[in-house]
Amino acid sequence: MTRWILSFLRDERGAETTEVTITGLVVAGGAVGGFTELNDKISEKVSFTVRKLNIANGD
């Protein structure tokens, strides 16, 4: 197992795979953060609209 790990670390394909994995994780993390923020903003707008409609209907 140790030999395989050392071979993997010396092999350029291992470094490339690691770089691609890290890049993917960063992009995925950014997407999750963006969608979370978008969800929060949409929820705020929906709540605002519901409050305004309730006021308009006299509730």
N, C-alpha and C. Protein backbone atom coordinates (compact mmCIF):
# COMPACT_ATOMS: atom_id res chain seq x y z
N MET A 1 0.84 -1.19 0.00
CA MET A 1 0.00 0.00 0.00
C MET A 1 0.88 1.25 0.00
N THR A 2 1.91 1.26 0.80
CA THR A 2 2.81 2.40 0.87
C THR A 2 3.46 2.64 -0.48
N ARG A 3 3.85 1.56 -1.14
CA ARG A 3 4.47 1.70 -2.46
C ARG A 3 3.51 2.32 -3.46
N TRP A 4 2.25 1.92 -3.38
CA TRP A 4 1.26 2.45 -4.30
C TRP A 4 1.05 3.95 -4.06
N ILE A 5 1.01 4.35 -2.81
CA ILE A 5 0.82 5.77 -2.47
C ILE A 5 2.00 6.60 -2.97
N LEU A 6 3.21 6.11 -2.74
CA LEU A 6 4.39 6.83 -3.21
C LEU A 6 4.41 6.92 -4.73
N SER A 7 4.06 5.84 -5.39
CA SER A 7 3.99 5.85 -6.84
C SER A 7 2.93 6.85 -7.32
N PHE A 8 1.82 6.88 -6.65
CA PHE A 8 0.73 7.81 -7.00
C PHE A 8 1.20 9.25 -6.84
N LEU A 9 1.93 9.54 -5.76
CA LEU A 9 2.40 10.90 -5.51
C LEU A 9 3.44 11.34 -6.54
N ARG A 10 4.27 10.41 -7.00
CA ARG A 10 5.30 10.74 -7.99
C ARG A 10 4.70 10.89 -9.39
N ASP A 11 3.61 10.24 -9.63
CA ASP A 11 2.99 10.25 -10.96
C ASP A 11 2.27 11.58 -11.18
N GLU A 12 2.51 12.22 -12.31
CA GLU A 12 1.88 13.49 -12.63
C GLU A 12 0.36 13.38 -12.74
N ARG A 13 -0.13 12.22 -13.15
CA ARG A 13 -1.58 12.05 -13.25
C ARG A 13 -2.24 12.20 -11.89
N GLY A 14 -1.55 11.79 -10.86
CA GLY A 14 -2.10 11.94 -9.51
C GLY A 14 -2.24 13.41 -9.14
N ALA A 15 -1.24 14.21 -9.50
CA ALA A 15 -1.30 15.65 -9.21
C ALA A 15 -2.42 16.30 -10.01
N GLU A 16 -2.55 15.90 -11.27
CA GLU A 16 -3.60 16.47 -12.10
C GLU A 16 -4.98 16.10 -11.56
N THR A 17 -5.13 14.86 -11.15
CA THR A 17 -6.41 14.42 -10.58
C THR A 17 -6.74 15.21 -9.33
N THR A 18 -5.74 15.44 -8.49
CA THR A 18 -5.94 16.21 -7.26
C THR A 18 -6.34 17.64 -7.59
N GLU A 19 -5.68 18.25 -8.57
CA GLU A 19 -6.01 19.62 -8.96
C GLU A 19 -7.44 19.72 -9.48
N VAL A 20 -7.82 18.78 -10.31
CA VAL A 20 -9.17 18.78 -10.86
C VAL A 20 -10.20 18.57 -9.75
N THR A 21 -9.89 17.69 -8.82
CA THR A 21 -10.80 17.44 -7.69
C THR A 21 -10.97 18.69 -6.84
N ILE A 22 -9.88 19.36 -6.52
CA ILE A 22 -9.95 20.57 -5.71
C ILE A 22 -10.73 21.66 -6.44
N THR A 23 -10.47 21.81 -7.73
CA THR A 23 -11.21 22.79 -8.52
C THR A 23 -12.70 22.48 -8.52
N GLY A 24 -13.03 21.22 -8.69
CA GLY A 24 -14.44 20.81 -8.66
C GLY A 24 -15.09 21.11 -7.33
N LEU A 25 -14.38 20.86 -6.26
CA LEU A 25 -14.92 21.13 -4.92
C LEU A 25 -15.16 22.63 -4.71
N VAL A 26 -14.23 23.45 -5.19
CA VAL A 26 -14.38 24.90 -5.05
C VAL A 26 -15.59 25.39 -5.85
N VAL A 27 -15.71 24.90 -7.08
CA VAL A 27 -16.86 25.29 -7.91
C VAL A 27 -18.16 24.83 -7.28
N ALA A 28 -18.19 23.59 -6.80
CA ALA A 28 -19.40 23.07 -6.17
C ALA A 28 -19.75 23.88 -4.91
N GLY A 29 -18.74 24.21 -4.13
CA GLY A 29 -18.98 25.01 -2.93
C GLY A 29 -19.54 26.39 -3.26
N GLY A 30 -19.00 27.00 -4.31
CA GLY A 30 -19.51 28.30 -4.75
C GLY A 30 -20.94 28.20 -5.23
N ALA A 31 -21.25 27.13 -5.95
CA ALA A 31 -22.62 26.94 -6.45
C ALA A 31 -23.59 26.76 -5.28
N VAL A 32 -23.20 25.98 -4.30
CA VAL A 32 -24.06 25.76 -3.13
C VAL A 32 -24.28 27.08 -2.40
N GLY A 33 -23.21 27.84 -2.22
CA GLY A 33 -23.35 29.14 -1.56
C GLY A 33 -24.25 30.08 -2.34
N GLY A 34 -24.08 30.10 -3.65
CA GLY A 34 -24.91 30.96 -4.49
C GLY A 34 -26.38 30.57 -4.46
N PHE A 35 -26.64 29.27 -4.54
CA PHE A 35 -28.04 28.81 -4.51
C PHE A 35 -28.67 29.04 -3.14
N THR A 36 -27.88 28.92 -2.08
CA THR A 36 -28.39 29.18 -0.74
C THR A 36 -28.79 30.65 -0.61
N GLU A 37 -27.93 31.53 -1.10
CA GLU A 37 -28.22 32.97 -1.07
C GLU A 37 -29.45 33.29 -1.92
N LEU A 38 -29.53 32.68 -3.09
CA LEU A 38 -30.68 32.88 -3.97
C LEU A 38 -31.97 32.41 -3.30
N ASN A 39 -31.92 31.27 -2.64
CA ASN A 39 -33.08 30.74 -1.93
C ASN A 39 -33.53 31.71 -0.83
N ASP A 40 -32.57 32.28 -0.10
CA ASP A 40 -32.91 33.23 0.95
C ASP A 40 -33.59 34.46 0.38
N LYS A 41 -33.06 34.96 -0.73
CA LYS A 41 -33.64 36.16 -1.35
C LYS A 41 -35.05 35.88 -1.89
N ILE A 42 -35.23 34.73 -2.51
CA ILE A 42 -36.56 34.38 -3.02
C ILE A 42 -37.55 34.25 -1.87
N SER A 43 -37.12 33.63 -0.78
CA SER A 43 -38.00 33.49 0.39
C SER A 43 -38.41 34.85 0.95
N GLU A 44 -37.45 35.78 0.99
CA GLU A 44 -37.76 37.14 1.46
C GLU A 44 -38.80 37.80 0.56
N LYS A 45 -38.63 37.67 -0.75
CA LYS A 45 -39.56 38.30 -1.69
C LYS A 45 -40.95 37.68 -1.60
N VAL A 46 -41.01 36.37 -1.46
CA VAL A 46 -42.31 35.70 -1.33
C VAL A 46 -43.00 36.14 -0.05
N SER A 47 -42.27 36.20 1.05
CA SER A 47 -42.85 36.64 2.32
C SER A 47 -43.35 38.08 2.22
N PHE A 48 -42.58 38.93 1.58
CA PHE A 48 -42.97 40.32 1.39
C PHE A 48 -44.26 40.40 0.58
N THR A 49 -44.33 39.64 -0.50
CA THR A 49 -45.51 39.64 -1.36
C THR A 49 -46.74 39.13 -0.61
N VAL A 50 -46.58 38.07 0.17
CA VAL A 50 -47.70 37.52 0.95
C VAL A 50 -48.18 38.55 1.97
N ARG A 51 -47.26 39.23 2.64
CA ARG A 51 -47.65 40.27 3.61
C ARG A 51 -48.44 41.38 2.93
N LYS A 52 -47.96 41.81 1.76
CA LYS A 52 -48.65 42.88 1.03
C LYS A 52 -50.04 42.44 0.59
N LEU A 53 -50.17 41.20 0.13
CA LEU A 53 -51.47 40.69 -0.27
C LEU A 53 -52.41 40.57 0.92
N ASN A 54 -51.89 40.16 2.04
CA ASN A 54 -52.72 40.07 3.26
C ASN A 54 -53.20 41.44 3.69
N ILE A 55 -52.34 42.43 3.59
CA ILE A 55 -52.73 43.80 3.95
C ILE A 55 -53.79 44.29 2.98
N ALA A 56 -53.62 44.02 1.70
CA ALA A 56 -54.56 44.47 0.68
C ALA A 56 -55.93 43.80 0.85
N ASN A 57 -55.94 42.57 1.37
CA ASN A 57 -57.20 41.86 1.58
C ASN A 57 -57.80 42.14 2.95
N GLY A 58 -57.14 42.96 3.76
CA GLY A 58 -57.67 43.30 5.07
C GLY A 58 -57.42 42.25 6.12
N ASP A 59 -56.51 41.35 5.90
CA ASP A 59 -56.21 40.29 6.89
C ASP A 59 -55.20 40.76 7.90
